[in-house]
Amino acid sequence: RIMSANGSNGQNGSNGDGGGRKRRNRKRRNRSTAKATAEFWGDPKTLPEPRDDIRITQDPSAVVRSLGRPPLPGQEQASEAYFAAVYARAVGLASALAAAGDLIEPEELLEG
C-alpha cells in the first residue's frame, strides 16, 4: 500500500478497513429500530376484528367529484381524467389487498 501525503491509506481518506465499523453500527441501529417499530404498533392482540361489510365501489371518484372541478385553470379536463385514473388504480389495489387478506371473496373483484 502507498500512503498519501495526509497519512491515509485510501483515496478517500479511509484507513482501509472497508467500512466494517459502519456495517456493525448499522446492524446495531437496525435492531433498535425494529424494537421501536414493535413498540410503536403495539400489541397485535389488541387490534379490533376486521369488518365484514367491505364493498368495492363502482365509482371511485364520486366523492372527489362532488367537491367540484379541480382549481387548475385551463387544465380542468385533463386533471379530472388523471385523478379518475389514480382513484381507479387505488380502488383496484385496495381490492386486491382485501382479497389477499381474505376480507372479500376474490370473485367480488370480477363483478362490475
PDB file of N, CA and C in Angstrom:
ATOM      1  N   ARG A   1       0.827  -1.192   0.000  1.00  0.00           N
ATOM      2  CA  ARG A   1       0.000   0.000   0.000  1.00  0.00           C
ATOM      3  C   ARG A   1       0.859   1.238   0.000  1.00  0.00           C
ATOM      4  N   ILE A   2       0.359   2.229  -0.653  1.00  0.00           N
ATOM      5  CA  ILE A   2       1.057   3.507  -0.708  1.00  0.00           C
ATOM      6  C   ILE A   2       0.290   4.493   0.149  1.00  0.00           C
ATOM      7  N   MET A   3       0.983   5.148   1.050  1.00  0.00           N
ATOM      8  CA  MET A   3       0.331   6.138   1.901  1.00  0.00           C
ATOM      9  C   MET A   3       0.358   7.482   1.207  1.00  0.00           C
ATOM     10  N   SER A   4      -0.700   8.207   1.360  1.00  0.00           N
ATOM     11  CA  SER A   4      -0.763   9.543   0.771  1.00  0.00           C
ATOM     12  C   SER A   4      -0.095  10.546   1.695  1.00  0.00           C
ATOM     13  N   ALA A   5      -0.031  11.765   1.231  1.00  0.00           N
ATOM     14  CA  ALA A   5       0.632  12.826   1.990  1.00  0.00           C
ATOM     15  C   ALA A   5      -0.068  13.100   3.314  1.00  0.00           C
ATOM     16  N   ASN A   6      -1.368  12.863   3.372  1.00  0.00           N
ATOM     17  CA  ASN A   6      -2.080  13.149   4.619  1.00  0.00           C
ATOM     18  C   ASN A   6      -2.056  11.965   5.587  1.00  0.00           C
ATOM     19  N   GLY A   7      -1.367  10.886   5.219  1.00  0.00           N
ATOM     20  CA  GLY A   7      -1.194   9.763   6.121  1.00  0.00           C
ATOM     21  C   GLY A   7      -2.276   8.702   6.018  1.00  0.00           C
ATOM     22  N   SER A   8      -3.187   8.846   5.073  1.00  0.00           N
ATOM     23  CA  SER A   8      -4.240   7.838   4.947  1.00  0.00           C
ATOM     24  C   SER A   8      -3.845   6.822   3.894  1.00  0.00           C
ATOM     25  N   ASN A   9      -4.435   5.647   3.973  1.00  0.00           N
ATOM     26  CA  ASN A   9      -4.117   4.572   3.047  1.00  0.00           C
ATOM     27  C   ASN A   9      -4.950   4.636   1.775  1.00  0.00           C
ATOM     28  N   GLY A  10      -6.182   5.026   1.887  1.00  0.00           N
ATOM     29  CA  GLY A  10      -7.074   5.003   0.733  1.00  0.00           C
ATOM     30  C   GLY A  10      -7.198   6.357   0.082  1.00  0.00           C
ATOM     31  N   GLN A  11      -7.825   6.359  -1.077  1.00  0.00           N
ATOM     32  CA  GLN A  11      -8.001   7.605  -1.810  1.00  0.00           C
ATOM     33  C   GLN A  11      -8.996   8.528  -1.122  1.00  0.00           C
ATOM     34  N   ASN A  12      -9.943   7.953  -0.419  1.00  0.00           N
ATOM     35  CA  ASN A  12     -10.977   8.775   0.198  1.00  0.00           C
ATOM     36  C   ASN A  12     -10.675   9.088   1.658  1.00  0.00           C
ATOM     37  N   GLY A  13      -9.458   8.854   2.085  1.00  0.00           N
ATOM     38  CA  GLY A  13      -9.075   9.175   3.451  1.00  0.00           C
ATOM     39  C   GLY A  13      -9.445   8.100   4.447  1.00  0.00           C
ATOM     40  N   SER A  14      -9.872   6.935   3.958  1.00  0.00           N
ATOM     41  CA  SER A  14     -10.231   5.863   4.884  1.00  0.00           C
ATOM     42  C   SER A  14      -8.978   5.155   5.355  1.00  0.00           C
ATOM     43  N   ASN A  15      -9.129   4.358   6.383  1.00  0.00           N
ATOM     44  CA  ASN A  15      -7.976   3.645   6.910  1.00  0.00           C
ATOM     45  C   ASN A  15      -7.851   2.248   6.312  1.00  0.00           C
ATOM     46  N   GLY A  16      -8.642   1.939   5.307  1.00  0.00           N
ATOM     47  CA  GLY A  16      -8.518   0.665   4.619  1.00  0.00           C
ATOM     48  C   GLY A  16      -9.265  -0.469   5.277  1.00  0.00           C
ATOM     49  N   ASP A  17     -10.112  -0.173   6.281  1.00  0.00           N
ATOM     50  CA  ASP A  17     -10.833  -1.265   6.938  1.00  0.00           C
ATOM     51  C   ASP A  17     -12.100  -1.650   6.184  1.00  0.00           C
ATOM     52  N   GLY A  18     -12.366  -1.011   5.065  1.00  0.00           N
ATOM     53  CA  GLY A  18     -13.510  -1.387   4.244  1.00  0.00           C
ATOM     54  C   GLY A  18     -14.839  -0.968   4.831  1.00  0.00           C
ATOM     55  N   GLY A  19     -14.837  -0.137   5.814  1.00  0.00           N
ATOM     56  CA  GLY A  19     -16.099   0.331   6.385  1.00  0.00           C
ATOM     57  C   GLY A  19     -16.754  -0.673   7.306  1.00  0.00           C
ATOM     58  N   GLY A  20     -15.990  -1.637   7.811  1.00  0.00           N
ATOM     59  CA  GLY A  20     -16.558  -2.658   8.690  1.00  0.00           C
ATOM     60  C   GLY A  20     -17.218  -2.076   9.918  1.00  0.00           C
ATOM     61  N   ARG A  21     -16.651  -1.023  10.441  1.00  0.00           N
ATOM     62  CA  ARG A  21     -17.216  -0.394  11.633  1.00  0.00           C
ATOM     63  C   ARG A  21     -18.614   0.150  11.320  1.00  0.00           C
ATOM     64  N   LYS A  22     -18.747   0.765  10.167  1.00  0.00           N
ATOM     65  CA  LYS A  22     -20.048   1.299   9.769  1.00  0.00           C
ATOM     66  C   LYS A  22     -21.067   0.176   9.638  1.00  0.00           C
ATOM     67  N   ARG A  23     -20.642  -0.937   9.073  1.00  0.00           N
ATOM     68  CA  ARG A  23     -21.542  -2.064   8.885  1.00  0.00           C
ATOM     69  C   ARG A  23     -22.042  -2.571  10.233  1.00  0.00           C
ATOM     70  N   ARG A  24     -21.152  -2.697  11.207  1.00  0.00           N
ATOM     71  CA  ARG A  24     -21.554  -3.160  12.534  1.00  0.00           C
ATOM     72  C   ARG A  24     -22.522  -2.186  13.177  1.00  0.00           C
ATOM     73  N   ASN A  25     -22.241  -0.904  13.055  1.00  0.00           N
ATOM     74  CA  ASN A  25     -23.131   0.095  13.643  1.00  0.00           C
ATOM     75  C   ASN A  25     -24.514   0.033  13.023  1.00  0.00           C
ATOM     76  N   ARG A  26     -24.583  -0.215  11.722  1.00  0.00           N
ATOM     77  CA  ARG A  26     -25.867  -0.285  11.041  1.00  0.00           C
ATOM     78  C   ARG A  26     -26.691  -1.448  11.587  1.00  0.00           C
ATOM     79  N   LYS A  27     -26.043  -2.607  11.826  1.00  0.00           N
ATOM     80  CA  LYS A  27     -26.766  -3.752  12.373  1.00  0.00           C
ATOM     81  C   LYS A  27     -27.335  -3.419  13.741  1.00  0.00           C
ATOM     82  N   ARG A  28     -26.540  -2.790  14.561  1.00  0.00           N
ATOM     83  CA  ARG A  28     -26.996  -2.399  15.886  1.00  0.00           C
ATOM     84  C   ARG A  28     -28.166  -1.424  15.787  1.00  0.00           C
ATOM     85  N   ARG A  29     -28.061  -0.477  14.871  1.00  0.00           N
ATOM     86  CA  ARG A  29     -29.105   0.531  14.686  1.00  0.00           C
ATOM     87  C   ARG A  29     -30.401  -0.133  14.209  1.00  0.00           C
ATOM     88  N   ASN A  30     -30.309  -1.103  13.287  1.00  0.00           N
ATOM     89  CA  ASN A  30     -31.495  -1.791  12.787  1.00  0.00           C
ATOM     90  C   ASN A  30     -32.198  -2.554  13.895  1.00  0.00           C
ATOM     91  N   ARG A  31     -31.437  -3.148  14.792  1.00  0.00           N
ATOM     92  CA  ARG A  31     -32.029  -3.902  15.888  1.00  0.00           C
ATOM     93  C   ARG A  31     -32.866  -2.982  16.768  1.00  0.00           C
ATOM     94  N   SER A  32     -32.332  -1.813  17.096  1.00  0.00           N
ATOM     95  CA  SER A  32     -33.075  -0.891  17.946  1.00  0.00           C
ATOM     96  C   SER A  32     -34.268  -0.308  17.196  1.00  0.00           C
ATOM     97  N   THR A  33     -34.155  -0.134  15.892  1.00  0.00           N
ATOM     98  CA  THR A  33     -35.275   0.364  15.098  1.00  0.00           C
ATOM     99  C   THR A  33     -36.404  -0.653  15.075  1.00  0.00           C
ATOM    100  N   ALA A  34     -36.078  -1.937  14.954  1.00  0.00           N
ATOM    101  CA  ALA A  34     -37.108  -2.974  14.945  1.00  0.00           C
ATOM    102  C   ALA A  34     -37.864  -2.984  16.266  1.00  0.00           C
ATOM    103  N   LYS A  35     -37.162  -2.829  17.363  1.00  0.00           N
ATOM    104  CA  LYS A  35     -37.811  -2.798  18.669  1.00  0.00           C
ATOM    105  C   LYS A  35     -38.710  -1.570  18.788  1.00  0.00           C
ATOM    106  N   ALA A  36     -38.226  -0.426  18.332  1.00  0.00           N
ATOM    107  CA  ALA A  36     -39.022   0.802  18.385  1.00  0.00           C
ATOM    108  C   ALA A  36     -40.266   0.672  17.513  1.00  0.00           C
ATOM    109  N   THR A  37     -40.132   0.008  16.367  1.00  0.00           N
ATOM    110  CA  THR A  37     -41.283  -0.192  15.489  1.00  0.00           C
ATOM    111  C   THR A  37     -42.318  -1.065  16.170  1.00  0.00           C
ATOM    112  N   ALA A  38     -41.887  -2.149  16.802  1.00  0.00           N
ATOM    113  CA  ALA A  38     -42.816  -3.027  17.505  1.00  0.00           C
ATOM    114  C   ALA A  38     -43.517  -2.280  18.626  1.00  0.00           C
ATOM    115  N   GLU A  39     -42.790  -1.441  19.337  1.00  0.00           N
ATOM    116  CA  GLU A  39     -43.403  -0.664  20.408  1.00  0.00           C
ATOM    117  C   GLU A  39     -44.395   0.346  19.849  1.00  0.00           C
ATOM    118  N   PHE A  40     -44.100   0.918  18.706  1.00  0.00           N
ATOM    119  CA  PHE A  40     -44.991   1.903  18.103  1.00  0.00           C
ATOM    120  C   PHE A  40     -46.331   1.276  17.742  1.00  0.00           C
ATOM    121  N   TRP A  41     -46.298   0.107  17.097  1.00  0.00           N
ATOM    122  CA  TRP A  41     -47.531  -0.515  16.642  1.00  0.00           C
ATOM    123  C   TRP A  41     -48.283  -1.198  17.772  1.00  0.00           C
ATOM    124  N   GLY A  42     -47.613  -1.509  18.848  1.00  0.00           N
ATOM    125  CA  GLY A  42     -48.291  -2.090  19.995  1.00  0.00           C
ATOM    126  C   GLY A  42     -48.543  -3.580  19.848  1.00  0.00           C
ATOM    127  N   ASP A  43     -49.408  -4.070  20.709  1.00  0.00           N
ATOM    128  CA  ASP A  43     -49.715  -5.491  20.775  1.00  0.00           C
ATOM    129  C   ASP A  43     -50.751  -5.851  19.711  1.00  0.00           C
ATOM    130  N   PRO A  44     -50.417  -6.758  18.778  1.00  0.00           N
ATOM    131  CA  PRO A  44     -51.380  -7.104  17.733  1.00  0.00           C
ATOM    132  C   PRO A  44     -52.635  -7.786  18.271  1.00  0.00           C
ATOM    133  N   LYS A  45     -52.577  -8.327  19.475  1.00  0.00           N
ATOM    134  CA  LYS A  45     -53.749  -8.995  20.054  1.00  0.00           C
ATOM    135  C   LYS A  45     -54.844  -8.003  20.416  1.00  0.00           C
ATOM    136  N   THR A  46     -54.481  -6.720  20.545  1.00  0.00           N
ATOM    137  CA  THR A  46     -55.472  -5.718  20.925  1.00  0.00           C
ATOM    138  C   THR A  46     -56.156  -5.075  19.722  1.00  0.00           C
ATOM    139  N   LEU A  47     -55.822  -5.523  18.510  1.00  0.00           N
ATOM    140  CA  LEU A  47     -56.440  -4.961  17.310  1.00  0.00           C
ATOM    141  C   LEU A  47     -57.905  -5.374  17.218  1.00  0.00           C
ATOM    142  N   PRO A  48     -58.758  -4.526  16.671  1.00  0.00           N
ATOM    143  CA  PRO A  48     -60.164  -4.903  16.505  1.00  0.00           C
ATOM    144  C   PRO A  48     -60.310  -5.969  15.425  1.00  0.00           C
ATOM    145  N   GLU A  49     -61.419  -6.666  15.459  1.00  0.00           N
ATOM    146  CA  GLU A  49     -61.708  -7.671  14.437  1.00  0.00           C
ATOM    147  C   GLU A  49     -61.950  -6.967  13.101  1.00  0.00           C
ATOM    148  N   PRO A  50     -61.535  -7.583  11.991  1.00  0.00           N
ATOM    149  CA  PRO A  50     -61.781  -6.961  10.688  1.00  0.00           C
ATOM    150  C   PRO A  50     -63.279  -6.887  10.392  1.00  0.00           C
ATOM    151  N   ARG A  51     -63.665  -5.854   9.675  1.00  0.00           N
ATOM    152  CA  ARG A  51     -65.076  -5.675   9.309  1.00  0.00           C
ATOM    153  C   ARG A  51     -65.441  -6.651   8.210  1.00  0.00           C
ATOM    154  N   ASP A  52     -66.701  -7.015   8.157  1.00  0.00           N
ATOM    155  CA  ASP A  52     -67.141  -7.939   7.118  1.00  0.00           C
ATOM    156  C   ASP A  52     -68.051  -7.261   6.093  1.00  0.00           C
ATOM    157  N   ASP A  53     -68.196  -5.953   6.179  1.00  0.00           N
ATOM    158  CA  ASP A  53     -69.078  -5.238   5.254  1.00  0.00           C
ATOM    159  C   ASP A  53     -68.293  -4.409   4.233  1.00  0.00           C
ATOM    160  N   ILE A  54     -67.179  -4.939   3.781  1.00  0.00           N
ATOM    161  CA  ILE A  54     -66.341  -4.234   2.810  1.00  0.00           C
ATOM    162  C   ILE A  54     -66.951  -4.399   1.421  1.00  0.00           C
ATOM    163  N   ARG A  55     -67.109  -3.275   0.733  1.00  0.00           N
ATOM    164  CA  ARG A  55     -67.655  -3.293  -0.623  1.00  0.00           C
ATOM    165  C   ARG A  55     -66.720  -2.521  -1.550  1.00  0.00           C
ATOM    166  N   ILE A  56     -66.644  -2.973  -2.778  1.00  0.00           N
ATOM    167  CA  ILE A  56     -65.809  -2.313  -3.778  1.00  0.00           C
ATOM    168  C   ILE A  56     -66.690  -1.325  -4.534  1.00  0.00           C
ATOM    169  N   THR A  57     -66.266  -0.088  -4.579  1.00  0.00           N
ATOM    170  CA  THR A  57     -67.058   0.939  -5.247  1.00  0.00           C
ATOM    171  C   THR A  57     -67.002   0.796  -6.764  1.00  0.00           C
ATOM    172  N   GLN A  58     -68.078   1.168  -7.406  1.00  0.00           N
ATOM    173  CA  GLN A  58     -68.123   1.172  -8.864  1.00  0.00           C
ATOM    174  C   GLN A  58     -67.750   2.544  -9.421  1.00  0.00           C
ATOM    175  N   ASP A  59     -67.703   3.562  -8.542  1.00  0.00           N
ATOM    176  CA  ASP A  59     -67.387   4.928  -8.965  1.00  0.00           C
ATOM    177  C   ASP A  59     -66.349   5.518  -8.010  1.00  0.00           C
ATOM    178  N   PRO A  60     -65.064   5.209  -8.215  1.00  0.00           N
ATOM    179  CA  PRO A  60     -64.017   5.621  -7.280  1.00  0.00           C
ATOM    180  C   PRO A  60     -63.881   7.123  -7.066  1.00  0.00           C
ATOM    181  N   SER A  61     -64.239   7.935  -8.035  1.00  0.00           N
ATOM    182  CA  SER A  61     -64.019   9.377  -7.893  1.00  0.00           C
ATOM    183  C   SER A  61     -65.281  10.146  -7.518  1.00  0.00           C
ATOM    184  N   ALA A  62     -66.335   9.464  -7.085  1.00  0.00           N
ATOM    185  CA  ALA A  62     -67.610  10.131  -6.790  1.00  0.00           C
ATOM    186  C   ALA A  62     -67.467  11.197  -5.707  1.00  0.00           C
ATOM    187  N   VAL A  63     -66.818  10.882  -4.621  1.00  0.00           N
ATOM    188  CA  VAL A  63     -66.702  11.840  -3.512  1.00  0.00           C
ATOM    189  C   VAL A  63     -65.895  13.055  -3.941  1.00  0.00           C
ATOM    190  N   VAL A  64     -64.796  12.839  -4.620  1.00  0.00           N
ATOM    191  CA  VAL A  64     -63.952  13.954  -5.048  1.00  0.00           C
ATOM    192  C   VAL A  64     -64.683  14.808  -6.083  1.00  0.00           C
ATOM    193  N   ARG A  65     -65.398  14.176  -7.002  1.00  0.00           N
ATOM    194  CA  ARG A  65     -66.172  14.933  -7.995  1.00  0.00           C
ATOM    195  C   ARG A  65     -67.234  15.796  -7.333  1.00  0.00           C
ATOM    196  N   SER A  66     -67.776  15.327  -6.206  1.00  0.00           N
ATOM    197  CA  SER A  66     -68.815  16.096  -5.517  1.00  0.00           C
ATOM    198  C   SER A  66     -68.271  17.414  -4.963  1.00  0.00           C
ATOM    199  N   LEU A  67     -66.966  17.544  -4.851  1.00  0.00           N
ATOM    200  CA  LEU A  67     -66.357  18.782  -4.359  1.00  0.00           C
ATOM    201  C   LEU A  67     -66.242  19.844  -5.447  1.00  0.00           C
ATOM    202  N   GLY A  68     -66.472  19.468  -6.687  1.00  0.00           N
ATOM    203  CA  GLY A  68     -66.375  20.419  -7.791  1.00  0.00           C
ATOM    204  C   GLY A  68     -65.152  20.153  -8.641  1.00  0.00           C
ATOM    205  N   ARG A  69     -65.006  20.985  -9.651  1.00  0.00           N
ATOM    206  CA  ARG A  69     -63.873  20.830 -10.567  1.00  0.00           C
ATOM    207  C   ARG A  69     -62.570  21.228  -9.886  1.00  0.00           C
ATOM    208  N   PRO A  70     -61.463  20.604 -10.268  1.00  0.00           N
ATOM    209  CA  PRO A  70     -60.162  20.975  -9.688  1.00  0.00           C
ATOM    210  C   PRO A  70     -59.819  22.431 -10.019  1.00  0.00           C
ATOM    211  N   PRO A  71     -59.291  23.162  -9.071  1.00  0.00           N
ATOM    212  CA  PRO A  71     -58.951  24.568  -9.314  1.00  0.00           C
ATOM    213  C   PRO A  71     -57.628  24.724 -10.067  1.00  0.00           C
ATOM    214  N   LEU A  72     -57.590  24.181 -11.257  1.00  0.00           N
ATOM    215  CA  LEU A  72     -56.398  24.250 -12.103  1.00  0.00           C
ATOM    216  C   LEU A  72     -56.797  24.909 -13.420  1.00  0.00           C
ATOM    217  N   PRO A  73     -56.764  26.231 -13.484  1.00  0.00           N
ATOM    218  CA  PRO A  73     -57.232  26.956 -14.668  1.00  0.00           C
ATOM    219  C   PRO A  73     -56.603  26.440 -15.961  1.00  0.00           C
ATOM    220  N   GLY A  74     -57.477  26.100 -16.892  1.00  0.00           N
ATOM    221  CA  GLY A  74     -57.028  25.616 -18.192  1.00  0.00           C
ATOM    222  C   GLY A  74     -56.686  24.139 -18.223  1.00  0.00           C
ATOM    223  N   GLN A  75     -56.680  23.490 -17.083  1.00  0.00           N
ATOM    224  CA  GLN A  75     -56.298  22.073 -17.011  1.00  0.00           C
ATOM    225  C   GLN A  75     -57.386  21.211 -16.374  1.00  0.00           C
ATOM    226  N   GLU A  76     -58.604  21.739 -16.253  1.00  0.00           N
ATOM    227  CA  GLU A  76     -59.660  21.020 -15.540  1.00  0.00           C
ATOM    228  C   GLU A  76     -59.943  19.649 -16.150  1.00  0.00           C
ATOM    229  N   GLN A  77     -60.127  19.610 -17.471  1.00  0.00           N
ATOM    230  CA  GLN A  77     -60.468  18.347 -18.134  1.00  0.00           C
ATOM    231  C   GLN A  77     -59.361  17.305 -17.969  1.00  0.00           C
ATOM    232  N   ALA A  78     -58.150  17.700 -18.261  1.00  0.00           N
ATOM    233  CA  ALA A  78     -57.028  16.758 -18.175  1.00  0.00           C
ATOM    234  C   ALA A  78     -56.820  16.293 -16.741  1.00  0.00           C
ATOM    235  N   SER A  79     -56.906  17.223 -15.793  1.00  0.00           N
ATOM    236  CA  SER A  79     -56.665  16.835 -14.401  1.00  0.00           C
ATOM    237  C   SER A  79     -57.751  15.895 -13.899  1.00  0.00           C
ATOM    238  N   GLU A  80     -59.004  16.121 -14.299  1.00  0.00           N
ATOM    239  CA  GLU A  80     -60.076  15.211 -13.888  1.00  0.00           C
ATOM    240  C   GLU A  80     -59.815  13.805 -14.405  1.00  0.00           C
ATOM    241  N   ALA A  81     -59.352  13.694 -15.627  1.00  0.00           N
ATOM    242  CA  ALA A  81     -59.065  12.379 -16.204  1.00  0.00           C
ATOM    243  C   ALA A  81     -57.918  11.693 -15.467  1.00  0.00           C
ATOM    244  N   TYR A  82     -56.871  12.443 -15.156  1.00  0.00           N
ATOM    245  CA  TYR A  82     -55.742  11.854 -14.426  1.00  0.00           C
ATOM    246  C   TYR A  82     -56.151  11.461 -13.010  1.00  0.00           C
ATOM    247  N   PHE A  83     -56.901  12.321 -12.339  1.00  0.00           N
ATOM    248  CA  PHE A  83     -57.356  11.999 -10.987  1.00  0.00           C
ATOM    249  C   PHE A  83     -58.232  10.749 -11.004  1.00  0.00           C
ATOM    250  N   ALA A  84     -59.137  10.657 -11.974  1.00  0.00           N
ATOM    251  CA  ALA A  84     -60.008   9.485 -12.074  1.00  0.00           C
ATOM    252  C   ALA A  84     -59.182   8.213 -12.264  1.00  0.00           C
ATOM    253  N   ALA A  85     -58.122   8.292 -13.064  1.00  0.00           N
ATOM    254  CA  ALA A  85     -57.256   7.125 -13.274  1.00  0.00           C
ATOM    255  C   ALA A  85     -56.549   6.732 -11.980  1.00  0.00           C
ATOM    256  N   VAL A  86     -56.098   7.715 -11.217  1.00  0.00           N
ATOM    257  CA  VAL A  86     -55.420   7.434  -9.947  1.00  0.00           C
ATOM    258  C   VAL A  86     -56.393   6.806  -8.957  1.00  0.00           C
ATOM    259  N   TYR A  87     -57.616   7.339  -8.876  1.00  0.00           N
ATOM    260  CA  TYR A  87     -58.605   6.791  -7.941  1.00  0.00           C
ATOM    261  C   TYR A  87     -58.980   5.368  -8.331  1.00  0.00           C
ATOM    262  N   ALA A  88     -59.136   5.115  -9.630  1.00  0.00           N
ATOM    263  CA  ALA A  88     -59.466   3.767 -10.089  1.00  0.00           C
ATOM    264  C   ALA A  88     -58.337   2.794  -9.749  1.00  0.00           C
ATOM    265  N   ARG A  89     -57.109   3.229  -9.910  1.00  0.00           N
ATOM    266  CA  ARG A  89     -55.962   2.371  -9.573  1.00  0.00           C
ATOM    267  C   ARG A  89     -55.922   2.090  -8.074  1.00  0.00           C
ATOM    268  N   ALA A  90     -56.202   3.109  -7.273  1.00  0.00           N
ATOM    269  CA  ALA A  90     -56.206   2.932  -5.816  1.00  0.00           C
ATOM    270  C   ALA A  90     -57.274   1.930  -5.395  1.00  0.00           C
ATOM    271  N   VAL A  91     -58.448   2.010  -6.002  1.00  0.00           N
ATOM    272  CA  VAL A  91     -59.513   1.056  -5.681  1.00  0.00           C
ATOM    273  C   VAL A  91     -59.104  -0.349  -6.109  1.00  0.00           C
ATOM    274  N   GLY A  92     -58.467  -0.459  -7.265  1.00  0.00           N
ATOM    275  CA  GLY A  92     -58.008  -1.769  -7.724  1.00  0.00           C
ATOM    276  C   GLY A  92     -56.991  -2.390  -6.778  1.00  0.00           C
ATOM    277  N   LEU A  93     -56.036  -1.590  -6.329  1.00  0.00           N
ATOM    278  CA  LEU A  93     -55.021  -2.097  -5.393  1.00  0.00           C
ATOM    279  C   LEU A  93     -55.632  -2.435  -4.038  1.00  0.00           C
ATOM    280  N   ALA A  94     -56.521  -1.584  -3.550  1.00  0.00           N
ATOM    281  CA  ALA A  94     -57.172  -1.853  -2.268  1.00  0.00           C
ATOM    282  C   ALA A  94     -58.022  -3.114  -2.352  1.00  0.00           C
ATOM    283  N   SER A  95     -58.672  -3.319  -3.481  1.00  0.00           N
ATOM    284  CA  SER A  95     -59.485  -4.520  -3.671  1.00  0.00           C
ATOM    285  C   SER A  95     -58.612  -5.771  -3.674  1.00  0.00           C
ATOM    286  N   ALA A  96     -57.482  -5.696  -4.354  1.00  0.00           N
ATOM    287  CA  ALA A  96     -56.567  -6.838  -4.388  1.00  0.00           C
ATOM    288  C   ALA A  96     -56.024  -7.143  -2.995  1.00  0.00           C
ATOM    289  N   LEU A  97     -55.701  -6.104  -2.229  1.00  0.00           N
ATOM    290  CA  LEU A  97     -55.230  -6.313  -0.857  1.00  0.00           C
ATOM    291  C   LEU A  97     -56.323  -6.921   0.011  1.00  0.00           C
ATOM    292  N   ALA A  98     -57.554  -6.461  -0.173  1.00  0.00           N
ATOM    293  CA  ALA A  98     -58.669  -7.014   0.601  1.00  0.00           C
ATOM    294  C   ALA A  98     -58.870  -8.489   0.272  1.00  0.00           C
ATOM    295  N   ALA A  99     -58.750  -8.841  -0.997  1.00  0.00           N
ATOM    296  CA  ALA A  99     -58.882 -10.246  -1.391  1.00  0.00           C
ATOM    297  C   ALA A  99     -57.720 -11.070  -0.844  1.00  0.00           C
ATOM    298  N   ALA A 100     -56.517 -10.523  -0.895  1.00  0.00           N
ATOM    299  CA  ALA A 100     -55.346 -11.240  -0.381  1.00  0.00           C
ATOM    300  C   ALA A 100     -55.439 -11.440   1.124  1.00  0.00           C
ATOM    301  N   GLY A 101     -56.067 -10.521   1.813  1.00  0.00           N
ATOM    302  CA  GLY A 101     -56.223 -10.620   3.260  1.00  0.00           C
ATOM    303  C   GLY A 101     -57.488 -11.343   3.681  1.00  0.00           C
ATOM    304  N   ASP A 102     -58.170 -11.978   2.737  1.00  0.00           N
ATOM    305  CA  ASP A 102     -59.412 -12.721   2.997  1.00  0.00           C
ATOM    306  C   ASP A 102     -60.505 -11.842   3.593  1.00  0.00           C
ATOM    307  N   LEU A 103     -60.513 -10.564   3.245  1.00  0.00           N
ATOM    308  CA  LEU A 103     -61.578  -9.673   3.703  1.00  0.00           C
ATOM    309  C   LEU A 103     -62.750  -9.683   2.730  1.00  0.00           C
ATOM    310  N   ILE A 104     -62.482 -10.037   1.481  1.00  0.00           N
ATOM    311  CA  ILE A 104     -63.526 -10.209   0.475  1.00  0.00           C
ATOM    312  C   ILE A 104     -63.216 -11.477  -0.298  1.00  0.00           C
ATOM    313  N   GLU A 105     -64.214 -11.979  -0.999  1.00  0.00           N
ATOM    314  CA  GLU A 105     -64.004 -13.139  -1.856  1.00  0.00           C
ATOM    315  C   GLU A 105     -63.373 -12.667  -3.162  1.00  0.00           C
ATOM    316  N   PRO A 106     -62.408 -13.390  -3.686  1.00  0.00           N
ATOM    317  CA  PRO A 106     -61.768 -12.969  -4.942  1.00  0.00           C
ATOM    318  C   PRO A 106     -62.762 -12.795  -6.095  1.00  0.00           C
ATOM    319  N   GLU A 107     -63.872 -13.528  -6.062  1.00  0.00           N
ATOM    320  CA  GLU A 107     -64.875 -13.407  -7.123  1.00  0.00           C
ATOM    321  C   GLU A 107     -65.475 -12.007  -7.163  1.00  0.00           C
ATOM    322  N   GLU A 108     -65.474 -11.317  -6.026  1.00  0.00           N
ATOM    323  CA  GLU A 108     -66.019  -9.966  -5.983  1.00  0.00           C
ATOM    324  C   GLU A 108     -65.205  -9.012  -6.843  1.00  0.00           C
ATOM    325  N   LEU A 109     -63.954  -9.339  -7.102  1.00  0.00           N
ATOM    326  CA  LEU A 109     -63.119  -8.493  -7.952  1.00  0.00           C
ATOM    327  C   LEU A 109     -63.570  -8.556  -9.408  1.00  0.00           C
ATOM    328  N   LEU A 110     -64.230  -9.644  -9.778  1.00  0.00           N
ATOM    329  CA  LEU A 110     -64.672  -9.811 -11.158  1.00  0.00           C
ATOM    330  C   LEU A 110     -65.997  -9.122 -11.422  1.00  0.00           C
ATOM    331  N   GLU A 111     -66.736  -8.805 -10.369  1.00  0.00           N
ATOM    332  CA  GLU A 111     -68.028  -8.134 -10.531  1.00  0.00           C
ATOM    333  C   GLU A 111     -67.800  -6.684 -10.910  1.00  0.00           C
ATOM    334  N   GLY A 112     -68.699  -6.167 -11.726  1.00  0.00           N
ATOM    335  CA  GLY A 112     -68.631  -4.743 -12.065  1.00  0.00           C
ATOM    336  C   GLY A 112     -67.890  -4.530 -13.256  1.00  0.00           C
TER     337      GLY A 112
END
